[in-house]
């Protein structure tokens, strides 16, 4: 897993960034505990992994431009 923006992660999830943010808000405390920055900015790999695992997102880097 690599560092990703919320927009990139939302793309892979097939949702808009606003929806991804709503999902993340439900788990904000846990995500911050594992390393999510409080404001904007890219999400560290461990946070991306948690989101991908818990929401069943498939990352196919061949499709993303």
Protein backbone atom coordinates (compact mmCIF):
# COMPACT_ATOMS: atom_id res chain seq x y z
CA UNK A 1 0.00 0.00 0.00
CA UNK A 2 1.15 3.53 -0.67
CA UNK A 3 0.26 7.00 0.54
CA UNK A 4 -2.91 8.23 -1.18
CA UNK A 5 -5.10 11.28 -1.22
CA UNK A 6 -8.71 11.00 -0.17
CA UNK A 7 -9.69 11.65 -3.79
CA UNK A 8 -7.62 8.69 -5.01
CA UNK A 9 -9.03 6.39 -2.35
CA UNK A 10 -12.59 7.52 -3.14
CA UNK A 11 -11.94 6.74 -6.81
CA UNK A 12 -10.96 3.16 -5.99
CA UNK A 13 -13.98 2.83 -3.69
CA UNK A 14 -16.28 4.03 -6.47
CA UNK A 15 -17.66 6.88 -4.37
CA UNK A 16 -17.23 10.64 -4.27
CA UNK A 17 -14.70 12.12 -1.83
CA UNK A 18 -17.56 13.47 0.30
CA UNK A 19 -18.92 9.95 0.84
CA UNK A 20 -15.47 8.66 1.75
CA UNK A 21 -15.13 11.49 4.26
CA UNK A 22 -18.48 10.48 5.81
CA UNK A 23 -17.25 6.88 6.14
CA UNK A 24 -14.04 8.09 7.75
CA UNK A 25 -15.93 10.39 10.15
CA UNK A 26 -17.63 7.31 11.61
CA UNK A 27 -14.19 5.99 12.63
CA UNK A 28 -12.27 9.24 13.14
CA UNK A 29 -10.93 8.40 16.59
CA UNK A 30 -9.54 5.03 15.50
CA UNK A 31 -8.09 6.43 12.26
CA UNK A 32 -6.29 9.22 14.11
CA UNK A 33 -4.91 6.69 16.58
CA UNK A 34 -3.26 4.77 13.73
CA UNK A 35 -1.88 7.88 12.01
CA UNK A 36 -4.50 9.83 10.06
CA UNK A 37 -3.63 13.55 9.91
CA UNK A 38 -6.20 15.80 11.60
CA UNK A 39 -6.67 18.14 8.66
CA UNK A 40 -6.22 17.54 4.98
CA UNK A 41 -3.24 15.99 3.32
CA UNK A 42 -2.42 12.57 2.03
CA UNK A 43 -3.36 9.49 4.03
CA UNK A 44 -0.45 7.36 5.26
CA UNK A 45 -0.24 3.76 4.00
CA UNK A 46 -1.44 2.25 7.29
CA UNK A 47 -4.61 4.37 7.21
CA UNK A 48 -5.22 3.48 3.55
CA UNK A 49 -4.82 -0.20 4.40
CA UNK A 50 -7.34 0.07 7.23
CA UNK A 51 -9.91 1.79 5.00
CA UNK A 52 -9.38 -0.68 2.14
CA UNK A 53 -9.71 -3.67 4.46
CA UNK A 54 -12.71 -2.41 6.42
CA UNK A 55 -14.70 -1.22 3.41
CA UNK A 56 -13.76 -4.00 0.99
CA UNK A 57 -12.12 -1.68 -1.55
CA UNK A 58 -10.12 -3.20 -4.38
CA UNK A 59 -7.06 -1.24 -5.47
CA UNK A 60 -6.29 -1.75 -9.16
CA UNK A 61 -3.45 0.62 -10.01
CA UNK A 62 -3.64 -0.31 -13.71
CA UNK A 63 -6.97 1.50 -14.03
CA UNK A 64 -6.00 4.74 -12.28
CA UNK A 65 -4.44 7.50 -14.38
